[in-house]
N, C-alpha and C. Protein backbone atom coordinates (compact mmCIF):
# COMPACT_ATOMS: atom_id res chain seq x y z
N MET A 1 72.10 60.76 107.80
CA MET A 1 71.63 59.38 107.79
C MET A 1 71.14 59.04 106.38
N ILE A 2 71.49 57.97 105.84
CA ILE A 2 71.03 57.52 104.59
C ILE A 2 69.98 56.41 104.70
N LEU A 3 68.79 56.58 104.06
CA LEU A 3 67.76 55.58 104.08
C LEU A 3 67.76 54.68 102.98
N SER A 4 67.49 53.44 103.20
CA SER A 4 67.36 52.48 102.04
C SER A 4 66.02 52.78 101.38
N PRO A 5 65.84 52.45 100.11
CA PRO A 5 64.61 52.71 99.33
C PRO A 5 63.37 52.14 100.01
N THR A 6 63.44 51.02 100.77
CA THR A 6 62.29 50.40 101.40
C THR A 6 62.17 50.74 102.89
N GLU A 7 63.11 51.51 103.45
CA GLU A 7 63.03 51.82 104.87
C GLU A 7 61.83 52.76 105.12
N GLY A 8 61.15 52.58 106.15
CA GLY A 8 60.03 53.45 106.46
C GLY A 8 58.74 53.02 105.73
N LEU A 9 58.87 52.18 104.69
CA LEU A 9 57.67 51.81 104.05
C LEU A 9 57.04 50.57 104.73
N THR A 10 55.68 50.53 104.79
CA THR A 10 55.06 49.38 105.37
C THR A 10 54.46 48.53 104.27
N GLU A 11 54.57 47.27 104.37
CA GLU A 11 54.00 46.28 103.45
C GLU A 11 52.44 46.25 103.65
N PHE A 12 51.74 46.08 102.55
CA PHE A 12 50.27 46.01 102.59
C PHE A 12 49.92 44.82 103.49
N ASN A 13 49.05 45.03 104.45
CA ASN A 13 48.65 43.98 105.41
C ASN A 13 47.18 43.88 105.33
N PRO A 14 46.59 42.88 104.60
CA PRO A 14 45.11 42.75 104.53
C PRO A 14 44.48 42.59 105.84
N SER A 15 45.12 42.00 106.86
CA SER A 15 44.46 41.71 108.18
C SER A 15 44.06 42.93 108.92
N GLN A 16 44.56 44.06 108.49
CA GLN A 16 44.16 45.39 109.20
C GLN A 16 42.84 45.93 108.62
N PHE A 17 42.32 45.35 107.68
CA PHE A 17 41.11 45.83 106.89
C PHE A 17 39.87 44.98 107.15
N TRP A 18 38.84 45.64 107.31
CA TRP A 18 37.47 45.02 107.37
C TRP A 18 36.69 45.31 106.09
N ILE A 19 36.22 44.26 105.42
CA ILE A 19 35.34 44.43 104.27
C ILE A 19 33.90 43.82 104.55
N LEU A 20 32.92 44.59 104.18
CA LEU A 20 31.55 44.23 104.35
C LEU A 20 31.03 43.91 102.95
N VAL A 21 30.59 42.54 102.79
CA VAL A 21 30.05 42.15 101.57
C VAL A 21 28.46 42.14 101.69
N VAL A 22 27.80 42.82 100.90
CA VAL A 22 26.28 43.00 100.93
C VAL A 22 25.80 42.26 99.65
N GLU A 23 25.27 41.11 99.75
CA GLU A 23 24.88 40.27 98.66
C GLU A 23 23.80 39.38 99.04
N ASP A 24 22.73 39.24 98.24
CA ASP A 24 21.65 38.38 98.62
C ASP A 24 21.68 36.99 98.09
N TYR A 25 22.62 36.72 97.15
CA TYR A 25 22.77 35.41 96.72
C TYR A 25 23.79 34.60 97.49
N PRO A 26 23.31 33.58 98.25
CA PRO A 26 24.23 32.93 99.18
C PRO A 26 25.56 32.45 98.60
N ASP A 27 25.52 31.83 97.42
CA ASP A 27 26.76 31.29 96.79
C ASP A 27 27.76 32.41 96.55
N THR A 28 27.28 33.43 96.03
CA THR A 28 28.21 34.60 95.70
C THR A 28 28.70 35.23 97.07
N LEU A 29 27.86 35.38 98.04
CA LEU A 29 28.25 35.87 99.31
C LEU A 29 29.31 35.06 99.93
N ASN A 30 29.11 33.76 99.94
CA ASN A 30 30.12 32.85 100.56
C ASN A 30 31.34 32.78 99.77
N LEU A 31 31.28 32.80 98.42
CA LEU A 31 32.55 32.78 97.69
C LEU A 31 33.30 33.96 97.89
N ALA A 32 32.72 35.14 97.91
CA ALA A 32 33.49 36.44 98.14
C ALA A 32 34.17 36.36 99.52
N LYS A 33 33.36 35.93 100.47
CA LYS A 33 33.98 35.78 101.87
C LYS A 33 35.15 34.93 101.89
N GLN A 34 35.06 33.72 101.25
CA GLN A 34 36.21 32.80 101.19
C GLN A 34 37.41 33.31 100.53
N VAL A 35 37.21 34.00 99.35
CA VAL A 35 38.33 34.49 98.58
C VAL A 35 39.07 35.62 99.44
N LEU A 36 38.25 36.47 100.00
CA LEU A 36 38.80 37.62 100.80
C LEU A 36 39.53 37.17 102.07
N GLU A 37 38.87 36.18 102.77
CA GLU A 37 39.54 35.68 103.95
C GLU A 37 40.77 34.89 103.67
N ARG A 38 40.75 34.22 102.61
CA ARG A 38 41.95 33.39 102.20
C ARG A 38 43.15 34.37 101.89
N LYS A 39 42.87 35.56 101.47
CA LYS A 39 43.95 36.59 101.26
C LYS A 39 44.21 37.42 102.46
N GLY A 40 43.54 37.10 103.56
CA GLY A 40 43.84 37.71 104.85
C GLY A 40 42.96 38.86 105.35
N PHE A 41 41.93 39.22 104.56
CA PHE A 41 41.09 40.26 104.97
C PHE A 41 40.05 39.76 106.03
N ASN A 42 39.54 40.67 106.85
CA ASN A 42 38.50 40.40 107.77
C ASN A 42 37.16 40.70 106.96
N VAL A 43 36.19 39.83 107.14
CA VAL A 43 34.94 39.99 106.31
C VAL A 43 33.73 39.89 107.16
N LEU A 44 32.82 40.81 106.92
CA LEU A 44 31.44 40.79 107.50
C LEU A 44 30.54 40.55 106.33
N GLN A 45 29.44 39.88 106.60
CA GLN A 45 28.40 39.55 105.53
C GLN A 45 27.11 40.11 105.85
N ALA A 46 26.38 40.51 104.87
CA ALA A 46 24.94 40.85 105.01
C ALA A 46 24.20 40.43 103.71
N SER A 47 23.00 39.87 104.00
CA SER A 47 22.24 39.41 102.83
C SER A 47 21.06 40.28 102.42
N THR A 48 20.88 41.40 103.19
CA THR A 48 19.87 42.35 102.84
C THR A 48 20.55 43.83 102.92
N GLY A 49 19.87 44.73 102.36
CA GLY A 49 20.32 46.10 102.44
C GLY A 49 20.35 46.63 103.90
N GLN A 50 19.27 46.32 104.62
CA GLN A 50 19.11 46.86 105.94
C GLN A 50 20.27 46.25 106.81
N GLN A 51 20.51 45.01 106.66
CA GLN A 51 21.61 44.29 107.40
C GLN A 51 22.99 44.98 107.10
N GLY A 52 23.17 45.33 105.82
CA GLY A 52 24.34 45.99 105.40
C GLY A 52 24.54 47.36 106.09
N ILE A 53 23.36 48.08 106.06
CA ILE A 53 23.46 49.47 106.74
C ILE A 53 23.77 49.29 108.18
N ASP A 54 23.12 48.41 108.90
CA ASP A 54 23.31 48.18 110.29
C ASP A 54 24.77 47.76 110.63
N LEU A 55 25.31 46.85 109.82
CA LEU A 55 26.69 46.39 110.03
C LEU A 55 27.71 47.57 109.72
N ALA A 56 27.38 48.30 108.74
CA ALA A 56 28.34 49.44 108.37
C ALA A 56 28.26 50.53 109.52
N TYR A 57 27.05 50.65 110.16
CA TYR A 57 26.99 51.63 111.22
C TYR A 57 27.65 51.12 112.47
N GLU A 58 27.45 49.83 112.79
CA GLU A 58 27.96 49.26 114.05
C GLU A 58 29.46 48.89 113.97
N ASN A 59 30.09 48.83 112.84
CA ASN A 59 31.45 48.41 112.75
C ASN A 59 32.25 49.42 111.94
N ASP A 60 33.54 49.53 112.15
CA ASP A 60 34.44 50.37 111.34
C ASP A 60 34.92 49.62 110.15
N VAL A 61 34.08 49.50 109.11
CA VAL A 61 34.51 48.79 107.95
C VAL A 61 35.22 49.70 107.08
N ASP A 62 36.21 49.18 106.27
CA ASP A 62 37.04 49.97 105.44
C ASP A 62 36.44 50.02 104.01
N LEU A 63 35.75 49.00 103.65
CA LEU A 63 35.25 48.91 102.27
C LEU A 63 33.99 48.14 102.23
N VAL A 64 33.04 48.46 101.40
CA VAL A 64 31.82 47.72 101.24
C VAL A 64 31.71 47.27 99.81
N LEU A 65 31.49 45.96 99.56
CA LEU A 65 31.18 45.45 98.29
C LEU A 65 29.69 45.26 98.30
N LEU A 66 28.97 46.02 97.43
CA LEU A 66 27.58 46.16 97.49
C LEU A 66 26.91 45.80 96.21
N ASP A 67 25.98 44.85 96.30
CA ASP A 67 25.12 44.43 95.23
C ASP A 67 24.11 45.50 94.95
N ILE A 68 23.57 45.63 93.76
CA ILE A 68 22.48 46.56 93.50
C ILE A 68 21.16 45.94 93.80
N LYS A 69 20.94 44.79 93.30
CA LYS A 69 19.58 44.07 93.46
C LYS A 69 19.59 43.34 94.82
N LEU A 70 18.95 43.91 95.76
CA LEU A 70 18.86 43.34 97.06
C LEU A 70 17.32 43.16 97.35
N PRO A 71 16.92 42.21 98.27
CA PRO A 71 15.48 41.90 98.43
C PRO A 71 14.67 43.01 99.19
N ASP A 72 15.36 43.91 99.85
CA ASP A 72 14.56 44.89 100.68
C ASP A 72 14.79 46.32 100.25
N ILE A 73 16.06 46.72 100.01
CA ILE A 73 16.44 48.10 99.75
C ILE A 73 17.39 48.06 98.53
N ILE A 74 17.09 48.78 97.47
CA ILE A 74 17.98 48.82 96.29
C ILE A 74 19.46 49.25 96.76
N GLY A 75 20.41 48.74 96.21
CA GLY A 75 21.82 49.05 96.53
C GLY A 75 22.15 50.56 96.40
N PHE A 76 21.60 51.30 95.45
CA PHE A 76 21.83 52.72 95.39
C PHE A 76 21.42 53.42 96.72
N ASP A 77 20.31 53.05 97.26
CA ASP A 77 19.78 53.68 98.44
C ASP A 77 20.63 53.23 99.68
N VAL A 78 21.06 51.95 99.72
CA VAL A 78 21.96 51.49 100.72
C VAL A 78 23.22 52.28 100.76
N CYS A 79 23.76 52.51 99.55
CA CYS A 79 25.02 53.28 99.47
C CYS A 79 24.81 54.69 99.98
N SER A 80 23.75 55.35 99.57
CA SER A 80 23.50 56.77 100.04
C SER A 80 23.45 56.79 101.54
N ARG A 81 22.80 55.85 102.18
CA ARG A 81 22.64 55.78 103.61
C ARG A 81 23.93 55.49 104.31
N ILE A 82 24.77 54.73 103.75
CA ILE A 82 26.08 54.32 104.35
C ILE A 82 26.95 55.66 104.17
N LYS A 83 26.97 56.28 103.09
CA LYS A 83 27.76 57.45 102.90
C LYS A 83 27.29 58.63 103.66
N GLY A 84 26.04 58.59 103.97
CA GLY A 84 25.47 59.73 104.80
C GLY A 84 25.51 59.55 106.36
N MET A 85 26.17 58.42 106.70
CA MET A 85 26.22 58.22 108.20
C MET A 85 27.03 59.24 108.84
N ASP A 86 26.67 59.52 110.08
CA ASP A 86 27.37 60.47 110.96
C ASP A 86 28.47 59.68 111.70
N LYS A 87 29.52 59.34 111.02
CA LYS A 87 30.67 58.65 111.57
C LYS A 87 31.96 59.20 111.19
N VAL A 88 32.98 59.05 111.95
CA VAL A 88 34.33 59.57 111.57
C VAL A 88 34.80 58.87 110.29
N LYS A 89 34.66 57.57 110.26
CA LYS A 89 35.17 56.74 109.21
C LYS A 89 34.06 56.32 108.32
N ILE A 90 33.96 56.83 107.06
CA ILE A 90 32.94 56.42 106.09
C ILE A 90 33.69 55.49 105.08
N PRO A 91 33.13 54.30 104.96
CA PRO A 91 33.87 53.34 104.12
C PRO A 91 33.77 53.59 102.62
N ILE A 92 34.72 53.06 101.85
CA ILE A 92 34.73 53.06 100.44
C ILE A 92 33.62 52.13 100.04
N VAL A 93 32.83 52.48 99.09
CA VAL A 93 31.74 51.63 98.57
C VAL A 93 31.98 51.27 97.18
N ILE A 94 32.10 49.92 96.90
CA ILE A 94 32.25 49.53 95.55
C ILE A 94 31.04 48.68 95.21
N PHE A 95 30.40 49.14 94.12
CA PHE A 95 29.13 48.36 93.74
C PHE A 95 29.81 47.11 92.99
N PHE A 96 29.22 45.98 93.36
CA PHE A 96 29.62 44.61 92.89
C PHE A 96 28.43 43.95 92.33
N THR A 97 28.30 43.93 91.05
CA THR A 97 26.94 43.56 90.41
C THR A 97 27.17 42.92 89.07
N VAL A 98 26.10 42.17 88.70
CA VAL A 98 26.08 41.67 87.33
C VAL A 98 25.53 42.67 86.34
N LEU A 99 24.95 43.72 86.86
CA LEU A 99 24.38 44.75 86.02
C LEU A 99 25.60 45.51 85.28
N SER A 100 25.51 45.58 83.98
CA SER A 100 26.61 46.23 83.23
C SER A 100 26.23 47.42 82.45
N LEU A 101 25.04 47.97 82.57
CA LEU A 101 24.64 49.16 81.77
C LEU A 101 25.33 50.38 82.26
N ASN A 102 25.64 51.21 81.32
CA ASN A 102 26.30 52.48 81.74
C ASN A 102 25.36 53.35 82.63
N ALA A 103 24.06 53.23 82.44
CA ALA A 103 23.11 53.91 83.31
C ALA A 103 23.14 53.45 84.75
N ASP A 104 23.37 52.17 84.94
CA ASP A 104 23.53 51.56 86.30
C ASP A 104 24.88 52.10 86.95
N ARG A 105 25.86 52.08 86.14
CA ARG A 105 27.20 52.60 86.62
C ARG A 105 27.09 54.06 87.04
N GLN A 106 26.47 54.92 86.25
CA GLN A 106 26.28 56.30 86.50
C GLN A 106 25.43 56.50 87.74
N ARG A 107 24.39 55.78 87.83
CA ARG A 107 23.55 55.85 89.03
C ARG A 107 24.27 55.44 90.36
N ALA A 108 25.11 54.41 90.20
CA ALA A 108 25.93 53.98 91.34
C ALA A 108 26.84 55.08 91.76
N LEU A 109 27.52 55.78 90.88
CA LEU A 109 28.41 56.88 91.25
C LEU A 109 27.69 58.03 91.79
N GLU A 110 26.45 58.33 91.24
CA GLU A 110 25.62 59.45 91.73
C GLU A 110 25.15 59.11 93.20
N ALA A 111 25.01 57.93 93.53
CA ALA A 111 24.51 57.47 94.85
C ALA A 111 25.59 57.64 95.96
N GLY A 112 26.83 57.82 95.43
CA GLY A 112 27.99 58.01 96.41
C GLY A 112 28.98 57.00 96.22
N GLY A 113 28.76 55.98 95.38
CA GLY A 113 29.65 54.87 95.22
C GLY A 113 31.00 55.34 94.74
N ASP A 114 32.06 54.68 95.22
CA ASP A 114 33.38 55.07 94.79
C ASP A 114 33.81 54.41 93.53
N ASP A 115 33.30 53.27 93.17
CA ASP A 115 33.61 52.58 92.03
C ASP A 115 32.55 51.55 91.74
N TYR A 116 32.79 50.86 90.62
CA TYR A 116 31.75 49.89 90.08
C TYR A 116 32.49 48.70 89.52
N LEU A 117 32.12 47.53 89.96
CA LEU A 117 32.84 46.27 89.50
C LEU A 117 31.86 45.22 89.12
N GLU A 118 32.01 44.69 87.83
CA GLU A 118 31.13 43.56 87.46
C GLU A 118 31.60 42.30 88.14
N LYS A 119 30.63 41.43 88.43
CA LYS A 119 30.98 40.19 89.13
C LYS A 119 31.68 39.15 88.37
N HIS A 120 31.76 39.39 87.05
CA HIS A 120 32.38 38.45 86.15
C HIS A 120 33.91 38.55 86.15
N LEU A 121 34.54 38.17 87.26
CA LEU A 121 35.98 38.17 87.30
C LEU A 121 36.40 37.12 88.34
N ASN A 122 37.68 36.82 88.34
CA ASN A 122 38.16 35.77 89.23
C ASN A 122 38.61 36.36 90.58
N GLY A 123 38.89 35.50 91.55
CA GLY A 123 39.17 36.00 92.92
C GLY A 123 40.33 36.80 92.99
N ASP A 124 41.42 36.50 92.20
CA ASP A 124 42.64 37.25 92.23
C ASP A 124 42.35 38.72 91.68
N ASP A 125 41.57 38.81 90.68
CA ASP A 125 41.24 40.13 90.15
C ASP A 125 40.37 40.88 91.20
N LEU A 126 39.44 40.29 91.88
CA LEU A 126 38.67 40.95 92.93
C LEU A 126 39.67 41.51 94.01
N VAL A 127 40.59 40.68 94.45
CA VAL A 127 41.52 41.12 95.51
C VAL A 127 42.41 42.26 95.04
N SER A 128 42.86 42.23 93.77
CA SER A 128 43.70 43.25 93.22
C SER A 128 42.97 44.56 93.16
N PHE A 129 41.63 44.50 92.78
CA PHE A 129 40.82 45.66 92.63
C PHE A 129 40.70 46.35 94.07
N ILE A 130 40.40 45.49 95.05
CA ILE A 130 40.14 45.95 96.41
C ILE A 130 41.47 46.50 96.91
N LYS A 131 42.55 45.90 96.72
CA LYS A 131 43.83 46.40 97.22
C LYS A 131 44.16 47.77 96.62
N LYS A 132 43.81 48.01 95.39
CA LYS A 132 43.96 49.30 94.76
C LYS A 132 43.34 50.41 95.51
N TRP A 133 42.17 50.11 96.12
CA TRP A 133 41.51 51.12 96.86
C TRP A 133 42.01 51.23 98.28
N LEU A 134 42.47 50.17 98.88
CA LEU A 134 42.93 50.18 100.30
C LEU A 134 44.38 50.46 100.46
N ASP A 135 45.20 50.27 99.47
CA ASP A 135 46.58 50.49 99.51
C ASP A 135 47.07 51.69 98.62
N PRO A 136 47.06 52.88 99.15
CA PRO A 136 47.43 54.05 98.34
C PRO A 136 48.85 53.99 97.79
N ASP A 137 49.75 53.17 98.46
CA ASP A 137 51.11 53.04 97.93
C ASP A 137 51.26 51.93 96.88
N GLY A 138 50.24 51.13 96.85
CA GLY A 138 50.32 49.91 95.97
C GLY A 138 50.08 50.20 94.56
């Protein structure tokens, strides 16, 4: 049997993924949600670190977009707690922040973050970045 080059490959389907956005600034939180939902992703929102931890524990999220500066718990600690959860599925954690110092980037990775993304980008770039993490064939 001869297979075509695309036979057996599945196309990336954003609707199969859940993304948790943890951000205390309402405009940024809502904008990220709108951009991601418009591209077909399922989105949960949290405006505090504790809400983010609770939602990550209660739901099978695939990826967390996590701000560093949160009103209750610093994002580095939120990441450590999410990555340390006793769950079968531990989400990818991407720090999503305006902080651009190398020390912040290093601390984010040491806390268990998978990557670090500055907020200064457009919606298409954000989606492309997320897709890179969620679509191993993409």
